[in-house]
N, C-alpha and C. Protein backbone atom coordinates (compact mmCIF):
# COMPACT_ATOMS: atom_id res chain seq x y z
N GLN A 1 -156.55 131.30 147.10
CA GLN A 1 -156.15 131.42 148.48
C GLN A 1 -157.01 130.13 149.75
N VAL A 2 -155.72 129.88 150.27
CA VAL A 2 -156.12 129.15 151.47
C VAL A 2 -156.69 130.03 152.88
N GLN A 3 -158.13 129.68 152.64
CA GLN A 3 -158.65 129.79 154.42
C GLN A 3 -158.17 129.01 155.46
N LEU A 4 -158.17 129.52 156.75
CA LEU A 4 -158.36 128.15 158.27
C LEU A 4 -159.35 128.81 158.83
N VAL A 5 -159.89 128.19 159.22
CA VAL A 5 -160.64 128.53 160.24
C VAL A 5 -161.04 127.91 161.44
N GLU A 6 -161.18 128.37 162.45
CA GLU A 6 -160.45 127.99 164.21
C GLU A 6 -161.76 127.91 164.90
N SER A 7 -161.53 126.56 165.90
CA SER A 7 -162.96 127.11 166.74
C SER A 7 -162.44 126.07 167.99
N GLY A 8 -163.38 126.11 169.15
CA GLY A 8 -162.90 125.96 169.88
C GLY A 8 -161.91 126.68 171.02
N GLY A 9 -161.39 126.89 171.68
CA GLY A 9 -160.73 127.34 172.62
C GLY A 9 -161.99 127.61 173.99
N GLY A 10 -161.29 129.06 174.86
CA GLY A 10 -162.09 129.64 176.10
C GLY A 10 -161.72 129.18 177.41
N LEU A 11 -161.99 129.08 178.06
CA LEU A 11 -161.38 129.41 179.86
C LEU A 11 -161.79 128.31 180.10
N VAL A 12 -161.18 127.81 180.62
CA VAL A 12 -160.87 126.45 181.63
C VAL A 12 -159.93 126.43 183.24
N GLN A 13 -160.17 125.36 183.76
CA GLN A 13 -159.35 125.46 184.68
C GLN A 13 -158.17 125.02 184.60
N ALA A 14 -157.18 124.95 185.80
CA ALA A 14 -156.06 124.28 185.79
C ALA A 14 -156.31 122.93 185.56
N GLY A 15 -155.60 121.68 185.04
CA GLY A 15 -155.67 120.16 184.94
C GLY A 15 -157.41 120.57 184.17
N GLY A 16 -157.82 120.86 183.56
CA GLY A 16 -158.72 120.88 182.61
C GLY A 16 -158.57 120.32 181.23
N SER A 17 -159.46 120.12 180.16
CA SER A 17 -159.18 120.31 178.74
C SER A 17 -159.81 120.96 178.21
N LEU A 18 -159.61 120.95 176.42
CA LEU A 18 -160.20 121.62 175.69
C LEU A 18 -159.44 120.87 174.59
N ARG A 19 -160.23 121.29 173.33
CA ARG A 19 -160.22 120.60 171.91
C ARG A 19 -160.26 122.02 171.19
N LEU A 20 -158.94 122.13 170.16
CA LEU A 20 -159.31 122.59 169.33
C LEU A 20 -159.32 122.47 167.63
N SER A 21 -160.09 123.03 166.95
CA SER A 21 -160.00 122.57 165.73
C SER A 21 -160.09 123.20 164.12
N CYS A 22 -159.32 122.90 163.40
CA CYS A 22 -158.65 124.04 162.40
C CYS A 22 -159.96 123.38 160.70
N ALA A 23 -160.49 124.20 159.95
CA ALA A 23 -160.29 123.59 159.16
C ALA A 23 -159.87 124.55 157.53
N ALA A 24 -159.48 123.88 156.84
CA ALA A 24 -158.44 124.36 155.61
C ALA A 24 -159.81 124.33 154.61
N SER A 25 -159.85 125.59 153.57
CA SER A 25 -160.36 125.57 152.31
C SER A 25 -160.10 126.25 151.83
N GLY A 26 -160.32 126.14 150.68
CA GLY A 26 -159.61 127.13 149.19
C GLY A 26 -158.48 126.47 148.68
N SER A 27 -157.99 125.22 149.26
CA SER A 27 -156.46 125.29 148.17
C SER A 27 -156.85 124.59 147.09
N LYS A 28 -156.30 124.52 146.19
CA LYS A 28 -156.14 123.92 144.71
C LYS A 28 -155.28 123.04 144.67
N PHE A 29 -154.29 122.46 145.71
CA PHE A 29 -153.24 121.81 145.59
C PHE A 29 -153.32 121.30 147.38
N SER A 30 -152.46 119.98 147.25
CA SER A 30 -152.44 119.30 148.63
C SER A 30 -151.62 120.11 150.04
N ILE A 31 -152.81 119.97 150.79
CA ILE A 31 -151.77 120.27 152.19
C ILE A 31 -151.02 119.89 152.43
N ASN A 32 -150.03 120.16 152.78
CA ASN A 32 -148.97 119.05 153.49
C ASN A 32 -148.69 119.12 154.96
N VAL A 33 -148.02 120.32 155.58
CA VAL A 33 -148.29 120.09 156.96
C VAL A 33 -149.48 120.70 157.77
N MET A 34 -150.20 120.25 158.44
CA MET A 34 -150.63 121.07 159.25
C MET A 34 -150.79 121.22 160.75
N GLY A 35 -150.90 122.26 161.49
CA GLY A 35 -150.28 121.82 163.20
C GLY A 35 -151.13 123.40 163.03
N TRP A 36 -150.24 123.51 164.57
CA TRP A 36 -151.07 124.64 165.88
C TRP A 36 -149.82 125.36 166.36
N TYR A 37 -149.73 126.56 166.52
CA TYR A 37 -148.69 127.45 167.19
C TYR A 37 -149.12 128.40 168.25
N ARG A 38 -148.52 129.14 169.18
CA ARG A 38 -149.55 129.92 169.66
C ARG A 38 -148.35 130.62 170.53
N GLN A 39 -149.04 131.46 170.63
CA GLN A 39 -148.13 132.83 171.22
C GLN A 39 -148.86 133.83 172.51
N ALA A 40 -148.07 133.37 173.58
CA ALA A 40 -148.74 134.35 174.98
C ALA A 40 -148.22 135.72 174.90
N PRO A 41 -149.11 136.41 175.61
CA PRO A 41 -148.53 137.69 175.85
C PRO A 41 -147.31 138.24 176.00
N GLY A 42 -146.61 138.95 175.51
CA GLY A 42 -145.22 138.95 175.93
C GLY A 42 -144.11 138.29 175.12
N LYS A 43 -144.23 137.55 174.71
CA LYS A 43 -143.38 136.13 174.01
C LYS A 43 -143.71 136.28 172.68
N GLN A 44 -142.58 134.79 171.88
CA GLN A 44 -142.44 134.95 170.67
C GLN A 44 -143.56 133.64 170.28
N ARG A 45 -143.87 133.41 168.97
CA ARG A 45 -144.59 132.49 168.89
C ARG A 45 -144.14 131.28 168.74
N GLU A 46 -144.71 129.99 169.09
CA GLU A 46 -143.83 129.43 169.17
C GLU A 46 -144.98 128.08 168.65
N LEU A 47 -143.74 126.61 168.19
CA LEU A 47 -144.67 125.05 167.81
C LEU A 47 -145.12 124.67 168.75
N VAL A 48 -146.86 124.49 168.86
CA VAL A 48 -146.90 123.15 169.75
C VAL A 48 -147.20 121.75 169.15
N ALA A 49 -147.52 122.01 167.85
CA ALA A 49 -147.33 120.71 167.33
C ALA A 49 -148.34 120.44 165.95
N TYR A 50 -147.57 119.53 165.07
CA TYR A 50 -148.04 119.67 163.47
C TYR A 50 -147.62 118.18 163.07
N THR A 51 -148.52 117.65 162.33
CA THR A 51 -149.18 116.68 161.52
C THR A 51 -148.40 117.26 159.73
N THR A 52 -147.89 115.86 159.05
CA THR A 52 -147.53 115.98 158.15
C THR A 52 -148.55 115.38 157.17
N SER A 53 -149.11 115.37 156.07
CA SER A 53 -149.79 114.45 155.12
C SER A 53 -149.20 113.12 154.90
N GLY A 54 -147.84 112.48 155.16
CA GLY A 54 -147.35 111.58 155.93
C GLY A 54 -147.80 111.06 156.71
N GLY A 55 -147.95 111.59 157.81
CA GLY A 55 -148.88 110.64 158.85
C GLY A 55 -147.71 111.27 160.40
N ARG A 56 -146.78 111.68 159.59
CA ARG A 56 -145.55 112.13 160.82
C ARG A 56 -146.33 113.54 162.04
N THR A 57 -146.21 113.10 162.97
CA THR A 57 -146.75 114.22 163.71
C THR A 57 -145.19 114.30 164.64
N ASN A 58 -145.60 115.98 164.93
CA ASN A 58 -144.11 116.67 166.34
C ASN A 58 -144.77 117.56 167.05
N TYR A 59 -144.16 117.52 168.45
CA TYR A 59 -144.78 118.19 169.65
C TYR A 59 -143.35 118.71 170.08
N ALA A 60 -143.84 120.05 170.38
CA ALA A 60 -142.79 120.51 171.29
C ALA A 60 -143.15 120.08 172.86
N ASP A 61 -141.84 120.18 173.06
CA ASP A 61 -141.40 119.42 174.86
C ASP A 61 -141.75 119.31 175.40
N SER A 62 -142.68 120.93 175.68
CA SER A 62 -143.68 120.94 177.21
C SER A 62 -145.19 120.60 176.81
N MET A 63 -145.21 119.80 175.13
CA MET A 63 -146.98 119.19 175.20
C MET A 63 -146.92 117.87 174.85
N LYS A 64 -145.45 117.22 174.95
CA LYS A 64 -145.51 115.94 175.14
C LYS A 64 -146.39 115.32 175.92
N GLY A 65 -147.35 114.62 175.76
CA GLY A 65 -147.88 113.75 176.77
C GLY A 65 -149.23 114.43 177.29
N ARG A 66 -149.53 115.57 176.61
CA ARG A 66 -150.31 115.94 177.18
C ARG A 66 -151.53 116.37 176.07
N PHE A 67 -150.81 116.84 174.97
CA PHE A 67 -151.55 116.84 174.37
C PHE A 67 -151.71 116.31 172.57
N THR A 68 -152.51 116.11 172.44
CA THR A 68 -152.50 115.21 171.02
C THR A 68 -153.05 115.87 169.26
N ILE A 69 -152.53 115.66 168.65
CA ILE A 69 -152.71 116.38 167.27
C ILE A 69 -153.55 115.08 166.49
N SER A 70 -154.27 115.48 165.68
CA SER A 70 -155.08 114.54 165.07
C SER A 70 -155.32 115.35 163.62
N ARG A 71 -155.40 114.49 162.13
CA ARG A 71 -155.48 115.05 161.07
C ARG A 71 -156.58 114.55 160.40
N ASP A 72 -157.55 115.04 159.66
CA ASP A 72 -158.39 114.13 158.98
C ASP A 72 -158.20 114.42 157.33
N ILE A 73 -157.38 114.05 156.69
CA ILE A 73 -156.52 114.39 155.37
C ILE A 73 -157.28 114.85 153.98
N ALA A 74 -158.56 113.63 154.25
CA ALA A 74 -159.73 114.16 153.22
C ALA A 74 -160.76 115.15 153.66
N LYS A 75 -160.60 115.86 154.68
CA LYS A 75 -161.51 116.99 155.49
C LYS A 75 -160.43 118.47 155.59
N ASN A 76 -159.26 118.15 155.39
CA ASN A 76 -158.59 119.24 155.60
C ASN A 76 -158.92 119.67 156.91
N THR A 77 -159.02 118.94 157.84
CA THR A 77 -158.96 119.10 159.14
C THR A 77 -158.04 119.14 160.47
N VAL A 78 -157.93 119.70 161.34
CA VAL A 78 -157.25 119.40 162.15
C VAL A 78 -157.09 119.97 163.54
N THR A 79 -157.08 118.32 164.64
CA THR A 79 -157.58 118.78 165.69
C THR A 79 -156.81 118.63 166.79
N LEU A 80 -156.65 119.83 167.94
CA LEU A 80 -155.74 119.59 169.21
C LEU A 80 -156.19 119.05 170.26
N GLU A 81 -156.35 118.11 170.71
CA GLU A 81 -157.04 117.61 171.89
C GLU A 81 -155.87 117.88 173.11
N MET A 82 -156.21 118.93 174.15
CA MET A 82 -155.02 119.57 174.93
C MET A 82 -155.73 119.21 176.41
N ASN A 83 -155.17 118.48 177.12
CA ASN A 83 -155.25 118.02 178.43
C ASN A 83 -154.25 118.34 179.65
N SER A 84 -154.75 118.39 180.57
CA SER A 84 -153.21 118.84 181.75
C SER A 84 -153.26 119.93 181.82
N LEU A 85 -154.27 120.85 181.25
CA LEU A 85 -153.87 122.34 180.84
C LEU A 85 -153.31 123.52 182.22
N LYS A 86 -152.32 123.70 181.98
CA LYS A 86 -152.01 124.49 182.79
C LYS A 86 -151.97 126.07 182.93
N PRO A 87 -151.59 126.97 183.86
CA PRO A 87 -151.68 128.36 183.47
C PRO A 87 -150.57 129.09 182.45
N GLU A 88 -149.76 128.30 182.39
CA GLU A 88 -148.59 128.72 181.11
C GLU A 88 -149.11 128.47 179.65
N ASP A 89 -150.36 127.38 180.04
CA ASP A 89 -150.62 127.28 178.14
C ASP A 89 -151.62 128.35 177.82
N THR A 90 -151.96 129.12 178.59
CA THR A 90 -152.53 130.37 178.17
C THR A 90 -152.18 131.45 176.96
N ALA A 91 -152.32 131.31 175.89
CA ALA A 91 -152.32 131.86 174.65
C ALA A 91 -153.34 132.08 173.53
N VAL A 92 -152.89 132.59 172.69
CA VAL A 92 -153.53 132.64 171.25
C VAL A 92 -152.84 131.46 170.43
N TYR A 93 -153.68 130.51 170.07
CA TYR A 93 -153.33 129.39 169.15
C TYR A 93 -153.89 129.77 167.95
N SER A 94 -152.75 129.77 166.99
CA SER A 94 -153.14 129.77 165.62
C SER A 94 -152.85 128.58 164.81
N CYS A 95 -154.32 128.13 163.96
CA CYS A 95 -153.79 126.91 163.19
C CYS A 95 -153.26 127.62 161.71
N ALA A 96 -152.00 126.53 161.05
CA ALA A 96 -151.62 126.98 159.94
C ALA A 96 -151.22 125.79 159.22
N CYS A 97 -151.33 125.97 157.70
CA CYS A 97 -150.60 124.79 157.01
C CYS A 97 -149.50 125.22 155.94
N THR A 98 -149.19 123.86 154.90
CA THR A 98 -148.70 124.56 154.43
C THR A 98 -148.71 124.46 152.72
N VAL A 99 -149.07 124.50 151.62
CA VAL A 99 -149.08 124.18 150.60
C VAL A 99 -147.69 124.71 149.92
N GLY A 100 -147.06 123.57 149.17
CA GLY A 100 -145.69 123.51 148.87
C GLY A 100 -144.86 124.39 149.40
N GLU A 101 -144.52 125.40 149.06
CA GLU A 101 -143.65 126.65 150.29
C GLU A 101 -144.26 127.58 151.26
N THR A 102 -145.62 127.35 150.91
CA THR A 102 -146.13 128.85 151.23
C THR A 102 -147.42 128.11 153.11
N TRP A 103 -146.90 128.91 153.86
CA TRP A 103 -147.40 129.09 154.77
C TRP A 103 -148.79 129.79 154.73
N TYR A 104 -150.04 129.25 155.45
CA TYR A 104 -151.17 129.78 155.87
C TYR A 104 -151.45 130.11 156.79
N TRP A 105 -152.10 131.08 157.63
CA TRP A 105 -152.26 131.14 159.30
C TRP A 105 -153.85 131.44 159.35
N GLY A 106 -154.87 130.57 160.96
CA GLY A 106 -155.35 131.07 161.01
C GLY A 106 -155.50 132.12 162.12
N GLN A 107 -156.63 132.99 162.36
CA GLN A 107 -156.88 134.07 163.08
C GLN A 107 -156.47 134.21 164.40
N GLY A 108 -156.87 132.81 164.83
CA GLY A 108 -156.13 132.85 166.17
C GLY A 108 -157.50 132.18 166.87
N THR A 109 -157.37 131.59 168.25
CA THR A 109 -158.21 131.34 169.22
C THR A 109 -157.77 131.21 170.61
N GLN A 110 -158.20 132.09 171.56
CA GLN A 110 -157.81 132.54 172.62
C GLN A 110 -158.24 131.27 173.64
N VAL A 111 -157.11 130.70 174.31
CA VAL A 111 -157.04 129.53 175.36
C VAL A 111 -156.43 130.09 176.46
N THR A 112 -157.50 130.66 177.79
CA THR A 112 -157.15 130.83 179.08
C THR A 112 -157.06 130.24 179.79
N VAL A 113 -156.13 129.32 180.75
CA VAL A 113 -156.32 128.41 181.71
C VAL A 113 -156.11 129.32 182.95
N SER A 114 -157.23 128.93 183.92
CA SER A 114 -156.97 130.29 185.05
C SER A 114 -156.67 128.93 186.47
N THR A 115 -156.34 129.91 187.67
CA THR A 115 -155.34 128.41 188.85
C THR A 115 -156.52 128.19 189.08
């Protein structure tokens, strides 16, 4: 059973920055995709960014140029650097990973961007 533990998040003013980190443990097999999703109140969960074990990254359009995802494959960690934050970035951010065809999720961390 893979466990994901997130850290970071919190309250920041618009235009500020935050860093989210996630560490995966318990996997007997290689983790392919690691990434972040978010869910704002009353909205569906949406992709923020992900990175594959092959080094490919993908960002949601609204995050491009503001967010940067990085990964330490040896440590099974993924970090999301968020810059130029906007109030509409307020959401619960969840770390996710895939092992084979199975998805695993963290509990989520709150990011609140004030005006």
